[in-house]
Amino acid sequence: MDDKFQTQHIQEQESNIPEGYIKEDGKLYRMPYKIIKKITFNDLNQKELIDIAHCARLQYRLLNLDAVIKAKVSFVKKQIQIIYNNLEADNNKAKINRNELIKFIEKEGLHIKNDKMIEENYDYYKEFYSSTFFPKSIRNALPYGWSKEEYEKIKANKK
């Protein structure tokens, strides 16, 4: 009986959340995106990628597109990953389709192989927002130039 009441109470709370918002710790936050697209271009020609600096410039040019949320161009992996706002997305932001992205990349001198392309739905809140602002764990790295033993002694003295 209690479980049924809790699920009903949660559903009532969720129904009070306005469109385009999420509720975290009792506070409302506006989410600009819901479900968008992630596309990965694999097995690119490394001669067309030229060098690491050229890949960095390409990544910068991709990020200058309004509809691209995140882009990663890897010279070593011969891969481009782009998270973008597609035409079917339910929001009022700038949008772009896959063919326009491919034309842009080909204009930059890269040839895309359609059989090596992977496109998938991407949940902006679960995969991008929540992992960035609410990480599962916080990595604790040693300060530069300190050994693990020295750092443990200092941490013990502070407590």
C-alpha atoms as a PDB file:
ATOM      1  CA  MET A   1       0.000   0.000   0.000  1.00  0.00           C
ATOM      2  CA  ASP A   2       2.820   2.406   0.859  1.00  0.00           C
ATOM      3  CA  ASP A   3       4.618   1.732  -2.451  1.00  0.00           C
ATOM      4  CA  LYS A   4       1.447   2.459  -4.394  1.00  0.00           C
ATOM      5  CA  PHE A   5       0.995   5.742  -2.496  1.00  0.00           C
ATOM      6  CA  GLN A   6       4.622   6.752  -3.126  1.00  0.00           C
ATOM      7  CA  THR A   7       4.440   6.119  -6.881  1.00  0.00           C
ATOM      8  CA  GLN A   8       1.146   8.033  -7.080  1.00  0.00           C
ATOM      9  CA  HIS A   9       2.682  10.928  -5.102  1.00  0.00           C
ATOM     10  CA  ILE A  10       5.759  11.000  -7.386  1.00  0.00           C
ATOM     11  CA  GLN A  11       3.547  10.983 -10.497  1.00  0.00           C
ATOM     12  CA  GLU A  12       1.530  13.903  -9.095  1.00  0.00           C
ATOM     13  CA  GLN A  13       4.744  15.844  -8.422  1.00  0.00           C
ATOM     14  CA  GLU A  14       6.081  15.138 -11.916  1.00  0.00           C
ATOM     15  CA  SER A  15       2.821  16.282 -13.504  1.00  0.00           C
ATOM     16  CA  ASN A  16       3.270  19.700 -11.827  1.00  0.00           C
ATOM     17  CA  ILE A  17       6.629  20.234 -13.579  1.00  0.00           C
ATOM     18  CA  PRO A  18       6.288  22.662 -16.510  1.00  0.00           C
ATOM     19  CA  GLU A  19       7.307  21.626 -20.022  1.00  0.00           C
ATOM     20  CA  GLY A  20      11.051  21.945 -20.606  1.00  0.00           C
ATOM     21  CA  TYR A  21      11.995  21.813 -16.912  1.00  0.00           C
ATOM     22  CA  ILE A  22      13.371  19.143 -14.593  1.00  0.00           C
ATOM     23  CA  LYS A  23      13.272  18.926 -10.828  1.00  0.00           C
ATOM     24  CA  GLU A  24      16.530  18.376  -8.911  1.00  0.00           C
ATOM     25  CA  ASP A  25      16.622  18.541  -5.096  1.00  0.00           C
ATOM     26  CA  GLY A  26      13.273  20.310  -5.014  1.00  0.00           C
ATOM     27  CA  LYS A  27      14.347  23.064  -7.430  1.00  0.00           C
ATOM     28  CA  LEU A  28      13.232  23.557 -11.031  1.00  0.00           C
ATOM     29  CA  TYR A  29      15.881  23.825 -13.753  1.00  0.00           C
ATOM     30  CA  ARG A  30      15.214  24.633 -17.401  1.00  0.00           C
ATOM     31  CA  MET A  31      16.568  22.057 -19.854  1.00  0.00           C
ATOM     32  CA  PRO A  32      17.283  23.417 -23.325  1.00  0.00           C
ATOM     33  CA  TYR A  33      17.236  19.965 -24.946  1.00  0.00           C
ATOM     34  CA  LYS A  34      15.581  16.581 -24.443  1.00  0.00           C
ATOM     35  CA  ILE A  35      16.380  13.893 -26.988  1.00  0.00           C
ATOM     36  CA  ILE A  36      18.917  14.977 -29.596  1.00  0.00           C
ATOM     37  CA  LYS A  37      21.310  13.038 -31.865  1.00  0.00           C
ATOM     38  CA  LYS A  38      24.851  11.744 -31.584  1.00  0.00           C
ATOM     39  CA  ILE A  39      26.666  10.820 -34.781  1.00  0.00           C
ATOM     40  CA  THR A  40      30.033   9.101 -35.057  1.00  0.00           C
ATOM     41  CA  PHE A  41      32.077   9.024 -38.249  1.00  0.00           C
ATOM     42  CA  ASN A  42      34.598   6.157 -38.067  1.00  0.00           C
ATOM     43  CA  ASP A  43      37.517   5.008 -40.203  1.00  0.00           C
ATOM     44  CA  LEU A  44      38.370   8.404 -41.676  1.00  0.00           C
ATOM     45  CA  ASN A  45      41.364   8.786 -43.961  1.00  0.00           C
ATOM     46  CA  GLN A  46      44.286   9.956 -41.830  1.00  0.00           C
ATOM     47  CA  LYS A  47      45.862  11.764 -44.798  1.00  0.00           C
ATOM     48  CA  GLU A  48      42.719  13.892 -45.064  1.00  0.00           C
ATOM     49  CA  LEU A  49      42.859  14.624 -41.317  1.00  0.00           C
ATOM     50  CA  ILE A  50      46.421  15.936 -41.998  1.00  0.00           C
ATOM     51  CA  ASP A  51      47.638  16.419 -38.391  1.00  0.00           C
ATOM     52  CA  ILE A  52      46.467  17.056 -34.833  1.00  0.00           C
ATOM     53  CA  ALA A  53      46.417  20.835 -35.277  1.00  0.00           C
ATOM     54  CA  HIS A  54      44.203  20.502 -38.349  1.00  0.00           C
ATOM     55  CA  CYS A  55      41.816  18.262 -36.371  1.00  0.00           C
ATOM     56  CA  ALA A  56      41.663  20.890 -33.615  1.00  0.00           C
ATOM     57  CA  ARG A  57      40.746  23.570 -36.164  1.00  0.00           C
ATOM     58  CA  LEU A  58      38.055  21.309 -37.632  1.00  0.00           C
ATOM     59  CA  GLN A  59      36.654  20.670 -34.154  1.00  0.00           C
ATOM     60  CA  TYR A  60      36.563  24.429 -33.526  1.00  0.00           C
ATOM     61  CA  ARG A  61      34.737  25.050 -36.813  1.00  0.00           C
ATOM     62  CA  LEU A  62      32.183  22.363 -35.957  1.00  0.00           C
ATOM     63  CA  LEU A  63      31.581  23.937 -32.546  1.00  0.00           C
ATOM     64  CA  ASN A  64      30.961  27.293 -34.251  1.00  0.00           C
ATOM     65  CA  LEU A  65      27.815  25.809 -35.815  1.00  0.00           C
ATOM     66  CA  ASP A  66      24.850  26.844 -33.661  1.00  0.00           C
ATOM     67  CA  ALA A  67      23.192  23.424 -33.792  1.00  0.00           C
ATOM     68  CA  VAL A  68      26.309  21.503 -32.655  1.00  0.00           C
ATOM     69  CA  ILE A  69      26.380  21.029 -28.890  1.00  0.00           C
ATOM     70  CA  LYS A  70      29.580  19.012 -28.599  1.00  0.00           C
ATOM     71  CA  ALA A  71      32.182  17.862 -31.116  1.00  0.00           C
ATOM     72  CA  LYS A  72      35.295  15.726 -30.805  1.00  0.00           C
ATOM     73  CA  VAL A  73      37.730  15.153 -33.664  1.00  0.00           C
ATOM     74  CA  SER A  74      40.333  12.460 -32.959  1.00  0.00           C
ATOM     75  CA  PHE A  75      43.373  12.217 -35.234  1.00  0.00           C
ATOM     76  CA  VAL A  76      44.660   9.026 -33.585  1.00  0.00           C
ATOM     77  CA  LYS A  77      41.324   7.159 -33.634  1.00  0.00           C
ATOM     78  CA  LYS A  78      40.454   8.555 -37.104  1.00  0.00           C
ATOM     79  CA  GLN A  79      37.040   9.466 -35.746  1.00  0.00           C
ATOM     80  CA  ILE A  80      34.630  12.401 -35.398  1.00  0.00           C
ATOM     81  CA  GLN A  81      31.862  12.429 -32.762  1.00  0.00           C
ATOM     82  CA  ILE A  82      29.207  15.128 -32.915  1.00  0.00           C
ATOM     83  CA  ILE A  83      26.271  15.742 -30.595  1.00  0.00           C
ATOM     84  CA  TYR A  84      23.834  17.980 -32.413  1.00  0.00           C
ATOM     85  CA  ASN A  85      20.300  19.329 -32.342  1.00  0.00           C
ATOM     86  CA  ASN A  86      18.490  17.504 -35.144  1.00  0.00           C
ATOM     87  CA  LEU A  87      15.454  18.725 -37.089  1.00  0.00           C
ATOM     88  CA  GLU A  88      13.075  16.354 -35.261  1.00  0.00           C
ATOM     89  CA  ALA A  89      14.103  17.562 -31.775  1.00  0.00           C
ATOM     90  CA  ASP A  90      11.393  19.168 -29.653  1.00  0.00           C
ATOM     91  CA  ASN A  91      12.942  22.572 -28.846  1.00  0.00           C
ATOM     92  CA  ASN A  92      13.298  26.075 -30.244  1.00  0.00           C
ATOM     93  CA  LYS A  93      17.090  26.074 -30.700  1.00  0.00           C
ATOM     94  CA  ALA A  94      19.027  26.111 -33.986  1.00  0.00           C
ATOM     95  CA  LYS A  95      18.812  22.788 -35.828  1.00  0.00           C
ATOM     96  CA  ILE A  96      20.768  20.928 -38.469  1.00  0.00           C
ATOM     97  CA  ASN A  97      20.334  17.593 -40.217  1.00  0.00           C
ATOM     98  CA  ARG A  98      22.825  14.827 -40.891  1.00  0.00           C
ATOM     99  CA  ASN A  99      23.274  15.670 -44.578  1.00  0.00           C
ATOM    100  CA  GLU A 100      24.186  19.276 -43.774  1.00  0.00           C
ATOM    101  CA  LEU A 101      26.797  18.049 -41.278  1.00  0.00           C
ATOM    102  CA  ILE A 102      28.270  15.691 -43.867  1.00  0.00           C
ATOM    103  CA  LYS A 103      28.391  18.486 -46.471  1.00  0.00           C
ATOM    104  CA  PHE A 104      30.148  20.748 -43.965  1.00  0.00           C
ATOM    105  CA  ILE A 105      32.753  18.087 -43.148  1.00  0.00           C
ATOM    106  CA  GLU A 106      33.298  17.282 -46.822  1.00  0.00           C
ATOM    107  CA  LYS A 107      33.757  20.996 -47.517  1.00  0.00           C
ATOM    108  CA  GLU A 108      36.585  20.847 -44.958  1.00  0.00           C
ATOM    109  CA  GLY A 109      38.300  18.169 -47.075  1.00  0.00           C
ATOM    110  CA  LEU A 110      37.197  14.899 -45.434  1.00  0.00           C
ATOM    111  CA  HIS A 111      35.266  12.158 -47.207  1.00  0.00           C
ATOM    112  CA  ILE A 112      32.690  10.319 -45.112  1.00  0.00           C
ATOM    113  CA  LYS A 113      31.961   6.613 -45.578  1.00  0.00           C
ATOM    114  CA  ASN A 114      28.243   5.997 -45.037  1.00  0.00           C
ATOM    115  CA  ASP A 115      28.782   2.396 -43.909  1.00  0.00           C
ATOM    116  CA  LYS A 116      31.168   3.582 -41.142  1.00  0.00           C
ATOM    117  CA  MET A 117      28.705   6.122 -39.719  1.00  0.00           C
ATOM    118  CA  ILE A 118      26.725   5.490 -36.522  1.00  0.00           C
ATOM    119  CA  GLU A 119      23.792   7.728 -35.576  1.00  0.00           C
ATOM    120  CA  GLU A 120      21.884   7.280 -32.335  1.00  0.00           C
ATOM    121  CA  ASN A 121      19.495   9.132 -30.049  1.00  0.00           C
ATOM    122  CA  TYR A 122      21.153  11.019 -27.223  1.00  0.00           C
ATOM    123  CA  ASP A 123      19.355  11.914 -23.994  1.00  0.00           C
ATOM    124  CA  TYR A 124      20.761  15.340 -23.129  1.00  0.00           C
ATOM    125  CA  TYR A 125      19.756  15.229 -19.458  1.00  0.00           C
ATOM    126  CA  LYS A 126      20.885  11.697 -18.605  1.00  0.00           C
ATOM    127  CA  GLU A 127      24.064  11.508 -20.675  1.00  0.00           C
ATOM    128  CA  PHE A 128      25.340  15.087 -20.679  1.00  0.00           C
ATOM    129  CA  TYR A 129      23.821  17.329 -18.018  1.00  0.00           C
ATOM    130  CA  SER A 130      23.551  14.996 -15.034  1.00  0.00           C
ATOM    131  CA  SER A 131      26.994  13.430 -15.514  1.00  0.00           C
ATOM    132  CA  THR A 132      28.568  16.894 -15.749  1.00  0.00           C
ATOM    133  CA  PHE A 133      26.824  18.617 -12.844  1.00  0.00           C
ATOM    134  CA  PHE A 134      26.152  15.600 -10.609  1.00  0.00           C
ATOM    135  CA  PRO A 135      29.137  13.228 -11.047  1.00  0.00           C
ATOM    136  CA  LYS A 136      29.003   9.755  -9.506  1.00  0.00           C
ATOM    137  CA  SER A 137      32.414  10.239  -7.943  1.00  0.00           C
ATOM    138  CA  ILE A 138      34.998  12.948  -7.613  1.00  0.00           C
ATOM    139  CA  ARG A 139      38.528  11.989  -8.528  1.00  0.00           C
ATOM    140  CA  ASN A 140      41.132  12.973  -5.981  1.00  0.00           C
ATOM    141  CA  ALA A 141      44.531  13.444  -7.622  1.00  0.00           C
ATOM    142  CA  LEU A 142      47.821  13.970  -5.858  1.00  0.00           C
ATOM    143  CA  PRO A 143      49.249  17.495  -6.008  1.00  0.00           C
ATOM    144  CA  TYR A 144      52.081  17.856  -8.497  1.00  0.00           C
ATOM    145  CA  GLY A 145      55.467  16.934  -7.031  1.00  0.00           C
ATOM    146  CA  TRP A 146      54.160  15.103  -3.951  1.00  0.00           C
ATOM    147  CA  SER A 147      54.493  11.411  -3.246  1.00  0.00           C
ATOM    148  CA  LYS A 148      51.507   9.440  -2.019  1.00  0.00           C
ATOM    149  CA  GLU A 149      53.068   9.005   1.439  1.00  0.00           C
ATOM    150  CA  GLU A 150      53.774  12.742   1.852  1.00  0.00           C
ATOM    151  CA  TYR A 151      50.255  13.639   0.829  1.00  0.00           C
ATOM    152  CA  GLU A 152      48.696  11.071   3.200  1.00  0.00           C
ATOM    153  CA  LYS A 153      50.715  12.556   6.108  1.00  0.00           C
ATOM    154  CA  ILE A 154      49.499  16.076   5.327  1.00  0.00           C
ATOM    155  CA  LYS A 155      45.884  14.904   5.027  1.00  0.00           C
ATOM    156  CA  ALA A 156      46.167  13.083   8.382  1.00  0.00           C
ATOM    157  CA  ASN A 157      47.568  16.221  10.086  1.00  0.00           C
ATOM    158  CA  LYS A 158      44.681  18.364   8.792  1.00  0.00           C
ATOM    159  CA  LYS A 159      42.080  16.103  10.401  1.00  0.00           C
END
